[in-house]
Amino acid sequence: MWTVEDGIERIRSRGLKITSQRIAILKLLEDRKDHPSAEKIFREMKEIYPTISFATIYSTAQILRDAGLLQILSIDDRRVFFDPDPTPHAHFLCSKCGALEDIPLEKEILNRIRRSVPHNLDAVQVYCYGTCRACSGREMTGARPRKAPRAH
């Protein structure tokens, strides 16, 4: 994982300004294990910076992605999620409750994907969709699926 100081250094090394809003977003994402949506980051930042815009959230996310600190996930067609873990791994989205989880991606699978594509890859995103164990268990017992908060 990375630190706020790592993020500041990577932003600075790209010749970009270190703004208080960028630092606040770095602090918000540092050591996070969840996958907050753009909306969730916006709501959390709005408490500190009432005038912050979605444009600032998205532009900072792109800077952090380009700096190798963040993955921008388009796993859901209704929202964008941010993953502060830039290491290669896959993601699973439950179609019932909206839970979004990391899935380990074996290095050999990643290497096979890279070898099979005759181009230079900048990134590989692997998205899996289905029903999580909790929802599957509820289906077997006849219980209704719990609607998880979608803004992870």
N, C-alpha and C. Protein backbone atom coordinates (compact mmCIF):
# COMPACT_ATOMS: atom_id res chain seq x y z
N MET A 1 0.84 -1.19 0.00
CA MET A 1 0.00 0.00 0.00
C MET A 1 0.89 1.25 0.00
N TRP A 2 0.27 2.37 -0.24
CA TRP A 2 0.99 3.62 -0.33
C TRP A 2 0.58 4.54 0.82
N THR A 3 1.38 5.57 1.01
CA THR A 3 1.09 6.57 2.05
C THR A 3 0.73 7.90 1.39
N VAL A 4 0.21 8.81 2.19
CA VAL A 4 -0.10 10.15 1.70
C VAL A 4 1.17 10.79 1.16
N GLU A 5 2.28 10.59 1.86
CA GLU A 5 3.56 11.16 1.41
C GLU A 5 3.96 10.61 0.04
N ASP A 6 3.75 9.30 -0.19
CA ASP A 6 4.01 8.71 -1.51
C ASP A 6 3.15 9.40 -2.57
N GLY A 7 1.88 9.60 -2.24
CA GLY A 7 0.97 10.24 -3.18
C GLY A 7 1.39 11.66 -3.51
N ILE A 8 1.77 12.41 -2.49
CA ILE A 8 2.23 13.79 -2.71
C ILE A 8 3.45 13.80 -3.62
N GLU A 9 4.38 12.91 -3.35
CA GLU A 9 5.60 12.84 -4.16
C GLU A 9 5.29 12.47 -5.61
N ARG A 10 4.39 11.53 -5.80
CA ARG A 10 4.06 11.13 -7.18
C ARG A 10 3.32 12.23 -7.93
N ILE A 11 2.45 12.96 -7.23
CA ILE A 11 1.76 14.08 -7.88
C ILE A 11 2.77 15.16 -8.23
N ARG A 12 3.64 15.48 -7.29
CA ARG A 12 4.67 16.51 -7.50
C ARG A 12 5.59 16.11 -8.66
N SER A 13 5.96 14.82 -8.74
CA SER A 13 6.88 14.37 -9.79
C SER A 13 6.26 14.48 -11.18
N ARG A 14 4.94 14.60 -11.25
CA ARG A 14 4.26 14.78 -12.52
C ARG A 14 4.12 16.26 -12.87
N GLY A 15 4.69 17.12 -12.01
CA GLY A 15 4.65 18.55 -12.27
C GLY A 15 3.31 19.19 -11.92
N LEU A 16 2.54 18.53 -11.08
CA LEU A 16 1.21 19.04 -10.73
C LEU A 16 1.23 19.68 -9.35
N LYS A 17 0.26 20.55 -9.11
CA LYS A 17 0.16 21.25 -7.84
C LYS A 17 -0.29 20.30 -6.74
N ILE A 18 0.20 20.54 -5.55
CA ILE A 18 -0.25 19.82 -4.37
C ILE A 18 -1.28 20.71 -3.69
N THR A 19 -2.55 20.44 -3.93
CA THR A 19 -3.62 21.26 -3.36
C THR A 19 -4.14 20.61 -2.08
N SER A 20 -4.79 21.39 -1.25
CA SER A 20 -5.35 20.86 -0.01
C SER A 20 -6.42 19.81 -0.32
N GLN A 21 -7.18 20.00 -1.41
CA GLN A 21 -8.20 19.02 -1.77
C GLN A 21 -7.57 17.70 -2.22
N ARG A 22 -6.50 17.76 -2.97
CA ARG A 22 -5.81 16.53 -3.38
C ARG A 22 -5.25 15.79 -2.18
N ILE A 23 -4.68 16.53 -1.25
CA ILE A 23 -4.15 15.90 -0.03
C ILE A 23 -5.28 15.27 0.76
N ALA A 24 -6.41 15.94 0.85
CA ALA A 24 -7.56 15.40 1.59
C ALA A 24 -8.07 14.12 0.93
N ILE A 25 -8.08 14.07 -0.39
CA ILE A 25 -8.51 12.86 -1.09
C ILE A 25 -7.51 11.74 -0.85
N LEU A 26 -6.23 12.06 -0.88
CA LEU A 26 -5.21 11.05 -0.56
C LEU A 26 -5.43 10.49 0.84
N LYS A 27 -5.68 11.37 1.81
CA LYS A 27 -5.91 10.93 3.20
C LYS A 27 -7.15 10.05 3.29
N LEU A 28 -8.16 10.40 2.53
CA LEU A 28 -9.41 9.64 2.54
C LEU A 28 -9.22 8.23 1.98
N LEU A 29 -8.31 8.09 1.01
CA LEU A 29 -8.10 6.81 0.35
C LEU A 29 -6.99 5.96 0.97
N GLU A 30 -6.11 6.60 1.72
CA GLU A 30 -4.95 5.89 2.28
C GLU A 30 -5.42 4.74 3.17
N ASP A 31 -4.84 3.57 2.95
CA ASP A 31 -5.10 2.36 3.74
C ASP A 31 -6.53 1.85 3.68
N ARG A 32 -7.31 2.31 2.75
CA ARG A 32 -8.69 1.82 2.63
C ARG A 32 -8.69 0.44 2.01
N LYS A 33 -9.56 -0.40 2.51
CA LYS A 33 -9.70 -1.75 1.96
C LYS A 33 -10.98 -1.90 1.15
N ASP A 34 -11.87 -0.91 1.24
CA ASP A 34 -13.11 -0.98 0.48
C ASP A 34 -12.91 -0.35 -0.89
N HIS A 35 -13.97 -0.26 -1.64
CA HIS A 35 -13.95 0.31 -2.99
C HIS A 35 -14.97 1.44 -3.02
N PRO A 36 -14.62 2.60 -2.51
CA PRO A 36 -15.61 3.67 -2.45
C PRO A 36 -16.02 4.14 -3.85
N SER A 37 -17.29 4.45 -3.97
CA SER A 37 -17.77 5.00 -5.24
C SER A 37 -17.38 6.47 -5.31
N ALA A 38 -17.45 7.01 -6.50
CA ALA A 38 -17.19 8.45 -6.67
C ALA A 38 -18.16 9.25 -5.82
N GLU A 39 -19.41 8.79 -5.74
CA GLU A 39 -20.42 9.48 -4.95
C GLU A 39 -20.06 9.47 -3.46
N LYS A 40 -19.56 8.32 -2.98
CA LYS A 40 -19.19 8.23 -1.56
C LYS A 40 -18.03 9.17 -1.25
N ILE A 41 -17.02 9.18 -2.10
CA ILE A 41 -15.88 10.09 -1.90
C ILE A 41 -16.38 11.53 -1.92
N PHE A 42 -17.26 11.83 -2.85
CA PHE A 42 -17.81 13.18 -2.96
C PHE A 42 -18.52 13.57 -1.66
N ARG A 43 -19.38 12.67 -1.15
CA ARG A 43 -20.11 12.97 0.10
C ARG A 43 -19.15 13.16 1.28
N GLU A 44 -18.14 12.29 1.38
CA GLU A 44 -17.18 12.40 2.48
C GLU A 44 -16.35 13.68 2.37
N MET A 45 -15.97 14.04 1.15
CA MET A 45 -15.18 15.26 0.94
C MET A 45 -16.03 16.51 1.16
N LYS A 46 -17.31 16.43 0.83
CA LYS A 46 -18.22 17.57 0.95
C LYS A 46 -18.29 18.06 2.40
N GLU A 47 -18.12 17.16 3.37
CA GLU A 47 -18.12 17.54 4.78
C GLU A 47 -16.93 18.44 5.11
N ILE A 48 -15.81 18.20 4.46
CA ILE A 48 -14.58 18.96 4.72
C ILE A 48 -14.49 20.17 3.80
N TYR A 49 -14.84 19.96 2.54
CA TYR A 49 -14.77 21.00 1.51
C TYR A 49 -16.14 21.16 0.87
N PRO A 50 -17.00 22.00 1.42
CA PRO A 50 -18.37 22.13 0.91
C PRO A 50 -18.46 22.55 -0.55
N THR A 51 -17.41 23.18 -1.08
CA THR A 51 -17.46 23.65 -2.46
C THR A 51 -16.83 22.68 -3.46
N ILE A 52 -16.40 21.51 -2.99
CA ILE A 52 -15.75 20.56 -3.90
C ILE A 52 -16.73 20.09 -4.97
N SER A 53 -16.21 19.78 -6.14
CA SER A 53 -17.06 19.34 -7.25
C SER A 53 -16.71 17.89 -7.63
N PHE A 54 -17.64 17.26 -8.35
CA PHE A 54 -17.36 15.93 -8.89
C PHE A 54 -16.15 15.98 -9.83
N ALA A 55 -16.01 17.08 -10.54
CA ALA A 55 -14.88 17.21 -11.47
C ALA A 55 -13.56 17.09 -10.72
N THR A 56 -13.47 17.67 -9.54
CA THR A 56 -12.25 17.58 -8.74
C THR A 56 -12.01 16.13 -8.30
N ILE A 57 -13.07 15.44 -7.90
CA ILE A 57 -12.94 14.03 -7.49
C ILE A 57 -12.42 13.20 -8.66
N TYR A 58 -13.05 13.35 -9.82
CA TYR A 58 -12.65 12.56 -10.98
C TYR A 58 -11.26 12.93 -11.49
N SER A 59 -10.94 14.20 -11.54
CA SER A 59 -9.61 14.59 -12.05
C SER A 59 -8.51 14.11 -11.10
N THR A 60 -8.77 14.18 -9.80
CA THR A 60 -7.78 13.69 -8.83
C THR A 60 -7.65 12.18 -8.94
N ALA A 61 -8.76 11.48 -9.13
CA ALA A 61 -8.71 10.03 -9.30
C ALA A 61 -7.88 9.66 -10.53
N GLN A 62 -8.04 10.40 -11.62
CA GLN A 62 -7.26 10.13 -12.83
C GLN A 62 -5.77 10.38 -12.59
N ILE A 63 -5.46 11.42 -11.84
CA ILE A 63 -4.06 11.71 -11.51
C ILE A 63 -3.49 10.56 -10.68
N LEU A 64 -4.25 10.10 -9.69
CA LEU A 64 -3.79 9.01 -8.83
C LEU A 64 -3.67 7.70 -9.60
N ARG A 65 -4.58 7.48 -10.54
CA ARG A 65 -4.47 6.29 -11.39
C ARG A 65 -3.21 6.36 -12.24
N ASP A 66 -2.99 7.51 -12.88
CA ASP A 66 -1.81 7.68 -13.73
C ASP A 66 -0.52 7.57 -12.94
N ALA A 67 -0.58 7.90 -11.64
CA ALA A 67 0.59 7.82 -10.77
C ALA A 67 0.76 6.42 -10.18
N GLY A 68 -0.13 5.51 -10.52
CA GLY A 68 -0.01 4.12 -10.06
C GLY A 68 -0.49 3.89 -8.64
N LEU A 69 -1.36 4.77 -8.14
CA LEU A 69 -1.82 4.66 -6.76
C LEU A 69 -3.26 4.16 -6.64
N LEU A 70 -3.97 4.08 -7.74
CA LEU A 70 -5.41 3.85 -7.68
C LEU A 70 -5.87 3.15 -8.94
N GLN A 71 -6.88 2.30 -8.80
CA GLN A 71 -7.57 1.75 -9.95
C GLN A 71 -8.95 2.39 -10.02
N ILE A 72 -9.36 2.75 -11.20
CA ILE A 72 -10.71 3.26 -11.41
C ILE A 72 -11.51 2.12 -12.01
N LEU A 73 -12.55 1.69 -11.30
CA LEU A 73 -13.32 0.52 -11.69
C LEU A 73 -14.64 0.93 -12.33
N SER A 74 -14.88 0.41 -13.51
CA SER A 74 -16.16 0.64 -14.19
C SER A 74 -16.94 -0.67 -14.24
N ILE A 75 -16.91 -1.40 -13.13
CA ILE A 75 -17.53 -2.72 -13.03
C ILE A 75 -19.06 -2.64 -13.05
N ASP A 76 -19.59 -1.50 -12.65
CA ASP A 76 -21.04 -1.29 -12.56
C ASP A 76 -21.40 -0.21 -13.58
N ASP A 77 -22.44 -0.43 -14.36
CA ASP A 77 -22.79 0.55 -15.40
C ASP A 77 -23.47 1.80 -14.84
N ARG A 78 -23.72 1.84 -13.54
CA ARG A 78 -24.37 3.01 -12.94
C ARG A 78 -23.43 3.90 -12.15
N ARG A 79 -22.26 3.41 -11.81
CA ARG A 79 -21.35 4.22 -10.99
C ARG A 79 -19.91 3.77 -11.19
N VAL A 80 -19.00 4.63 -10.76
CA VAL A 80 -17.57 4.37 -10.83
C VAL A 80 -17.07 4.14 -9.41
N PHE A 81 -16.22 3.14 -9.26
CA PHE A 81 -15.61 2.85 -7.95
C PHE A 81 -14.12 3.09 -8.04
N PHE A 82 -13.53 3.39 -6.89
CA PHE A 82 -12.09 3.59 -6.80
C PHE A 82 -11.51 2.49 -5.91
N ASP A 83 -10.40 1.93 -6.34
CA ASP A 83 -9.70 0.91 -5.56
C ASP A 83 -8.31 1.43 -5.24
N PRO A 84 -8.05 1.74 -3.97
CA PRO A 84 -6.74 2.27 -3.60
C PRO A 84 -5.63 1.22 -3.61
N ASP A 85 -5.94 0.00 -3.98
CA ASP A 85 -4.92 -1.04 -4.11
C ASP A 85 -4.56 -1.17 -5.59
N PRO A 86 -3.40 -0.64 -5.98
CA PRO A 86 -3.05 -0.65 -7.40
C PRO A 86 -2.46 -1.97 -7.88
N THR A 87 -2.24 -2.93 -6.98
CA THR A 87 -1.65 -4.20 -7.41
C THR A 87 -2.65 -4.99 -8.24
N PRO A 88 -2.16 -5.80 -9.17
CA PRO A 88 -3.07 -6.56 -10.04
C PRO A 88 -3.92 -7.55 -9.24
N HIS A 89 -5.22 -7.46 -9.41
CA HIS A 89 -6.18 -8.39 -8.84
C HIS A 89 -7.50 -8.20 -9.57
N ALA A 90 -8.39 -9.17 -9.42
CA ALA A 90 -9.70 -9.11 -10.07
C ALA A 90 -10.73 -8.58 -9.08
N HIS A 91 -11.93 -8.34 -9.58
CA HIS A 91 -13.02 -7.84 -8.73
C HIS A 91 -14.29 -8.64 -9.00
N PHE A 92 -15.07 -8.84 -7.94
CA PHE A 92 -16.34 -9.53 -8.00
C PHE A 92 -17.45 -8.58 -7.55
N LEU A 93 -18.53 -8.51 -8.33
CA LEU A 93 -19.69 -7.69 -7.98
C LEU A 93 -20.90 -8.59 -7.85
N CYS A 94 -21.53 -8.59 -6.67
CA CYS A 94 -22.74 -9.38 -6.46
C CYS A 94 -23.91 -8.68 -7.14
N SER A 95 -24.59 -9.41 -7.99
CA SER A 95 -25.72 -8.84 -8.72
C SER A 95 -26.96 -8.68 -7.84
N LYS A 96 -26.96 -9.28 -6.66
CA LYS A 96 -28.12 -9.19 -5.76
C LYS A 96 -27.97 -8.01 -4.80
N CYS A 97 -26.85 -7.94 -4.06
CA CYS A 97 -26.71 -6.93 -3.01
C CYS A 97 -25.74 -5.81 -3.34
N GLY A 98 -24.96 -5.96 -4.42
CA GLY A 98 -24.04 -4.91 -4.81
C GLY A 98 -22.68 -4.97 -4.12
N ALA A 99 -22.43 -6.03 -3.34
CA ALA A 99 -21.12 -6.15 -2.67
C ALA A 99 -20.02 -6.22 -3.73
N LEU A 100 -18.93 -5.50 -3.47
CA LEU A 100 -17.79 -5.46 -4.39
C LEU A 100 -16.58 -5.94 -3.62
N GLU A 101 -15.94 -7.00 -4.12
CA GLU A 101 -14.83 -7.63 -3.40
C GLU A 101 -13.63 -7.83 -4.32
N ASP A 102 -12.46 -7.87 -3.70
CA ASP A 102 -11.24 -8.22 -4.41
C ASP A 102 -11.16 -9.73 -4.57
N ILE A 103 -10.61 -10.17 -5.69
CA ILE A 103 -10.33 -11.58 -5.94
C ILE A 103 -8.86 -11.67 -6.32
N PRO A 104 -8.10 -12.53 -5.64
CA PRO A 104 -6.69 -12.69 -6.03
C PRO A 104 -6.58 -13.12 -7.49
N LEU A 105 -5.61 -12.60 -8.16
CA LEU A 105 -5.37 -12.95 -9.56
C LEU A 105 -3.97 -13.53 -9.64
N GLU A 106 -3.90 -14.81 -9.91
CA GLU A 106 -2.60 -15.47 -9.97
C GLU A 106 -1.73 -14.83 -11.05
N LYS A 107 -0.47 -14.69 -10.72
CA LYS A 107 0.47 -14.04 -11.64
C LYS A 107 0.51 -14.75 -12.99
N GLU A 108 0.39 -16.07 -12.99
CA GLU A 108 0.43 -16.82 -14.25
C GLU A 108 -0.77 -16.47 -15.13
N ILE A 109 -1.94 -16.27 -14.54
CA ILE A 109 -3.12 -15.88 -15.33
C ILE A 109 -2.89 -14.51 -15.97
N LEU A 110 -2.36 -13.58 -15.18
CA LEU A 110 -2.06 -12.25 -15.70
C LEU A 110 -1.03 -12.32 -16.83
N ASN A 111 0.00 -13.14 -16.66
CA ASN A 111 1.02 -13.30 -17.70
C ASN A 111 0.43 -13.93 -18.96
N ARG A 112 -0.49 -14.89 -18.81
CA ARG A 112 -1.13 -15.50 -19.99
C ARG A 112 -1.96 -14.47 -20.74
N ILE A 113 -2.65 -13.61 -20.01
CA ILE A 113 -3.43 -12.55 -20.66
C ILE A 113 -2.49 -11.64 -21.44
N ARG A 114 -1.41 -11.22 -20.79
CA ARG A 114 -0.46 -10.32 -21.45
C ARG A 114 0.16 -10.95 -22.69
N ARG A 115 0.50 -12.23 -22.60
CA ARG A 115 1.11 -12.91 -23.76
C ARG A 115 0.11 -13.09 -24.89
N SER A 116 -1.17 -13.20 -24.57
CA SER A 116 -2.18 -13.47 -25.60
C SER A 116 -2.59 -12.22 -26.37
N VAL A 117 -2.22 -11.06 -25.87
CA VAL A 117 -2.59 -9.80 -26.53
C VAL A 117 -1.37 -9.27 -27.28
N PRO A 118 -1.49 -9.06 -28.59
CA PRO A 118 -0.33 -8.62 -29.37
C PRO A 118 -0.07 -7.11 -29.30
N HIS A 119 -0.38 -6.51 -28.17
CA HIS A 119 -0.20 -5.07 -27.99
C HIS A 119 0.48 -4.83 -26.63
N ASN A 120 0.95 -3.61 -26.43
CA ASN A 120 1.49 -3.24 -25.13
C ASN A 120 0.32 -2.84 -24.22
N LEU A 121 0.14 -3.58 -23.14
CA LEU A 121 -0.97 -3.31 -22.23
C LEU A 121 -0.55 -2.34 -21.14
N ASP A 122 -1.39 -1.37 -20.88
CA ASP A 122 -1.17 -0.45 -19.76
C ASP A 122 -1.81 -0.98 -18.49
N ALA A 123 -2.92 -1.69 -18.65
CA ALA A 123 -3.64 -2.22 -17.50
C ALA A 123 -4.48 -3.41 -17.93
N VAL A 124 -4.79 -4.25 -16.98
CA VAL A 124 -5.69 -5.38 -17.18
C VAL A 124 -6.73 -5.32 -16.07
N GLN A 125 -8.01 -5.31 -16.45
CA GLN A 125 -9.10 -5.34 -15.48
C GLN A 125 -9.89 -6.63 -15.70
N VAL A 126 -10.08 -7.39 -14.64
CA VAL A 126 -10.87 -8.60 -14.70
C VAL A 126 -12.04 -8.42 -13.76
N TYR A 127 -13.26 -8.47 -14.31
CA TYR A 127 -14.48 -8.29 -13.53
C TYR A 127 -15.28 -9.59 -13.57
N CYS A 128 -15.73 -10.01 -12.41
CA CYS A 128 -16.57 -11.20 -12.29
C CYS A 128 -17.90 -10.77 -11.68
N TYR A 129 -18.98 -11.34 -12.18
CA TYR A 129 -20.32 -11.00 -11.72
C TYR A 129 -21.04 -12.28 -11.28
N GLY A 130 -21.86 -12.17 -10.28
CA GLY A 130 -22.62 -13.32 -9.83
C GLY A 130 -23.31 -13.02 -8.51
N THR A 131 -23.58 -14.09 -7.75
CA THR A 131 -24.25 -13.96 -6.47
C THR A 131 -23.27 -14.34 -5.38
N CYS A 132 -23.11 -13.46 -4.40
CA CYS A 132 -22.16 -13.72 -3.31
C CYS A 132 -22.70 -14.84 -2.41
N ARG A 133 -21.83 -15.36 -1.56
CA ARG A 133 -22.21 -16.46 -0.67
C ARG A 133 -23.37 -16.08 0.24
N ALA A 134 -23.33 -14.87 0.78
CA ALA A 134 -24.40 -14.44 1.69
C ALA A 134 -25.76 -14.46 0.99
N CYS A 135 -25.81 -13.91 -0.22
CA CYS A 135 -27.07 -13.89 -0.96
C CYS A 135 -27.47 -15.29 -1.41
N SER A 136 -26.50 -16.11 -1.78
CA SER A 136 -26.80 -17.49 -2.16
C SER A 136 -27.41 -18.24 -0.99
N GLY A 137 -26.88 -18.01 0.20
CA GLY A 137 -27.43 -18.65 1.40
C GLY A 137 -28.85 -18.21 1.67
N ARG A 138 -29.13 -16.94 1.45
CA ARG A 138 -30.48 -16.43 1.65
C ARG A 138 -31.44 -17.04 0.64
N GLU A 139 -30.97 -17.25 -0.59
CA GLU A 139 -31.83 -17.85 -1.61
C GLU A 139 -32.21 -19.28 -1.22
N MET A 140 -31.27 -20.00 -0.64
CA MET A 140 -31.53 -21.39 -0.26
C MET A 140 -32.52 -21.47 0.90
N THR A 141 -32.51 -20.46 1.78
CA THR A 141 -33.42 -20.46 2.93
C THR A 141 -34.73 -19.74 2.62
N GLY A 142 -34.79 -19.10 1.47
CA GLY A 142 -36.00 -18.37 1.09
C GLY A 142 -36.06 -16.96 1.63
N ALA A 143 -35.00 -16.53 2.31
CA ALA A 143 -34.96 -15.15 2.83
C ALA A 143 -34.75 -14.19 1.69
N ARG A 144 -35.23 -12.98 1.87
CA ARG A 144 -35.05 -11.94 0.85
C ARG A 144 -33.62 -11.43 0.90
N PRO A 145 -33.02 -11.13 -0.26
CA PRO A 145 -31.66 -10.58 -0.26
C PRO A 145 -31.61 -9.23 0.43
N ARG A 146 -30.58 -9.03 1.21
CA ARG A 146 -30.35 -7.75 1.88
C ARG A 146 -29.75 -6.81 0.87
N LYS A 147 -30.27 -5.60 0.80
CA LYS A 147 -29.69 -4.61 -0.09
C LYS A 147 -28.54 -3.94 0.65
N ALA A 148 -27.33 -4.27 0.23
CA ALA A 148 -26.15 -3.68 0.84
C ALA A 148 -26.01 -2.25 0.38
N PRO A 149 -25.39 -1.42 1.18
CA PRO A 149 -25.12 -0.06 0.71
C PRO A 149 -24.24 -0.15 -0.53
N ARG A 150 -24.68 0.41 -1.62
CA ARG A 150 -23.95 0.29 -2.88
C ARG A 150 -22.75 1.21 -2.95
N ALA A 151 -22.71 2.24 -2.15
CA ALA A 151 -21.59 3.18 -2.20
C ALA A 151 -20.47 2.65 -1.34
N HIS A 152 -19.68 1.74 -1.89
CA HIS A 152 -18.56 1.15 -1.14
C HIS A 152 -17.38 2.07 -1.16
